[in-house]
Amino acid sequence: MREKNLTGTGGFQNNPQNINRSGANRKSFSIINEALKKKGIQPLKKNELIETYTLIFNATEAELKRIATDKKTPFALRLIITELNDKNTRSKALADFRNYMFGEAPQEVTHKIKARVLTPEEMKEHLKHLEENY
């Protein structure tokens, strides 16, 4: 004899509308944001990030190592400092930080293109050629 479940509904075969066919719901940003805010974590503001970067640029290696090993330091900040300590990523990280704070340096374009404006007759001829061949 088959047992009924505790709610007395007879299981999903009697209530197929309750079956979650797509699996467990994924966590959305809003749910994660809500959970983090409940724990007292505040969102980082852009001006706070820029100020932190400028302070990092003026900190000593010993100060940064102390911050990077403190488990109470936000994880992302520990990663940033660790990236600065890695000789393979240091140059890129510094360039990214400078670009973030001050914007990208303007780059000069040296490629030259020869061009001229078509006359109305040349334009008509060109359009006629396109219509006939395509």
Protein backbone atom coordinates (compact mmCIF):
# COMPACT_ATOMS: atom_id res chain seq x y z
CA MET A 1 0.00 0.00 0.00
CA ARG A 2 1.29 3.43 -0.97
CA GLU A 3 1.71 6.08 1.77
CA LYS A 4 0.30 9.56 1.36
CA ASN A 5 2.64 12.42 2.07
CA LEU A 6 2.21 14.41 5.26
CA THR A 7 0.16 17.19 3.66
CA GLY A 8 -2.46 14.74 2.41
CA THR A 9 -2.35 15.93 -1.21
CA GLY A 10 -1.26 12.60 -2.65
CA GLY A 11 2.00 13.89 -4.13
CA PHE A 12 3.00 15.64 -7.34
CA GLN A 13 1.18 13.17 -9.59
CA ASN A 14 -2.08 14.65 -8.27
CA ASN A 15 -0.80 18.26 -8.46
CA PRO A 16 1.44 18.51 -11.55
CA GLN A 17 1.25 22.33 -11.48
CA ASN A 18 3.53 22.24 -8.41
CA ILE A 19 6.38 20.44 -10.14
CA ASN A 20 9.41 22.67 -10.74
CA ARG A 21 10.57 21.34 -14.10
CA SER A 22 13.43 23.82 -14.51
CA GLY A 23 15.28 22.89 -11.31
CA ALA A 24 16.13 25.10 -8.37
CA ASN A 25 15.67 28.82 -8.93
CA ARG A 26 18.89 30.70 -9.54
CA LYS A 27 19.85 33.41 -7.12
CA SER A 28 19.39 36.83 -8.64
CA PHE A 29 21.40 39.93 -7.92
CA SER A 30 18.49 41.42 -5.99
CA ILE A 31 18.28 38.42 -3.65
CA ILE A 32 22.03 38.47 -3.04
CA ASN A 33 21.96 42.27 -2.54
CA GLU A 34 19.15 41.91 -0.03
CA ALA A 35 20.98 39.20 1.91
CA LEU A 36 24.22 41.21 2.03
CA LYS A 37 22.41 44.36 3.17
CA LYS A 38 20.73 42.38 5.98
CA LYS A 39 24.24 41.46 7.16
CA GLY A 40 25.11 45.17 7.31
CA ILE A 41 27.23 45.30 4.15
CA GLN A 42 26.94 48.66 2.44
CA PRO A 43 27.27 49.22 -1.33
CA LEU A 44 30.56 50.71 -2.47
CA LYS A 45 30.29 54.17 -4.01
CA LYS A 46 32.47 55.20 -6.93
CA ASN A 47 34.08 58.07 -5.02
CA GLU A 48 34.99 55.65 -2.19
CA LEU A 49 36.66 53.30 -4.66
CA ILE A 50 38.64 56.13 -6.26
CA GLU A 51 39.72 57.38 -2.85
CA THR A 52 40.84 53.86 -1.90
CA TYR A 53 42.86 53.56 -5.12
CA THR A 54 44.58 56.89 -4.51
CA LEU A 55 45.43 55.84 -0.96
CA ILE A 56 46.76 52.49 -2.20
CA PHE A 57 49.11 54.38 -4.52
CA ASN A 58 50.56 56.20 -1.49
CA ALA A 59 50.71 53.22 0.89
CA THR A 60 53.91 51.35 1.63
CA GLU A 61 54.41 47.70 0.77
CA ALA A 62 54.27 46.74 4.46
CA GLU A 63 50.97 48.60 4.92
CA LEU A 64 49.43 46.93 1.87
CA LYS A 65 50.60 43.47 2.99
CA ARG A 66 48.98 44.04 6.39
CA ILE A 67 45.69 45.06 4.74
CA ALA A 68 45.82 42.14 2.28
CA THR A 69 46.24 39.56 5.06
CA ASP A 70 43.53 40.98 7.33
CA LYS A 71 40.50 38.67 6.95
CA LYS A 72 38.20 41.58 7.91
CA THR A 73 39.29 43.49 4.79
CA PRO A 74 36.74 43.13 1.96
CA PHE A 75 37.73 40.22 -0.27
CA ALA A 76 37.74 42.30 -3.48
CA LEU A 77 40.16 44.80 -1.93
CA ARG A 78 42.44 41.95 -0.80
CA LEU A 79 42.41 40.64 -4.40
CA ILE A 80 43.30 44.08 -5.77
CA ILE A 81 46.25 44.41 -3.41
CA THR A 82 47.37 40.84 -4.12
CA GLU A 83 47.23 41.59 -7.85
CA LEU A 84 49.58 44.54 -7.27
CA ASN A 85 51.99 42.24 -5.47
CA ASP A 86 52.11 39.74 -8.38
CA LYS A 87 54.86 40.68 -10.84
CA ASN A 88 52.88 39.09 -13.71
CA THR A 89 49.77 41.26 -13.20
CA ARG A 90 51.24 44.39 -11.56
CA SER A 91 51.74 46.49 -14.71
CA LYS A 92 48.27 45.74 -16.08
CA ALA A 93 46.64 46.39 -12.69
CA LEU A 94 48.39 49.75 -12.32
CA ALA A 95 47.42 50.76 -15.87
CA ASP A 96 43.80 49.73 -15.22
CA PHE A 97 43.69 51.73 -11.98
CA ARG A 98 45.13 54.84 -13.67
CA ASN A 99 42.66 54.50 -16.54
CA TYR A 100 39.77 54.09 -14.09
CA MET A 101 40.75 57.17 -12.07
CA PHE A 102 41.92 59.52 -14.79
CA GLY A 103 40.54 58.06 -18.02
CA GLU A 104 42.47 56.58 -20.91
CA ALA A 105 45.29 58.61 -22.38
CA PRO A 106 44.41 59.96 -25.80
CA GLN A 107 45.95 57.96 -28.60
CA GLU A 108 46.98 59.56 -31.84
CA VAL A 109 45.67 57.99 -35.04
CA THR A 110 48.27 58.18 -37.79
CA HIS A 111 46.52 56.25 -40.56
CA LYS A 112 45.75 58.37 -43.63
CA ILE A 113 42.93 57.70 -46.07
CA LYS A 114 42.71 59.10 -49.56
CA ALA A 115 39.14 60.01 -50.41
CA ARG A 116 37.19 62.47 -52.49
CA VAL A 117 33.55 63.49 -52.73
CA LEU A 118 31.66 62.01 -55.69
CA THR A 119 29.88 64.35 -58.04
CA PRO A 120 26.09 63.87 -58.36
CA GLU A 121 26.60 62.24 -61.78
CA GLU A 122 29.18 59.81 -60.41
CA MET A 123 26.85 58.95 -57.52
CA LYS A 124 23.95 58.23 -59.91
CA GLU A 125 26.21 56.05 -62.07
CA HIS A 126 27.45 54.17 -59.01
CA LEU A 127 23.91 53.55 -57.72
CA LYS A 128 22.80 52.40 -61.17
CA HIS A 129 25.73 49.99 -61.29
CA LEU A 130 24.78 48.57 -57.84
CA GLU A 131 21.13 48.07 -58.84
CA GLU A 132 22.07 46.29 -62.04
CA ASN A 133 24.68 43.98 -60.53
CA TYR A 134 23.26 43.14 -57.11
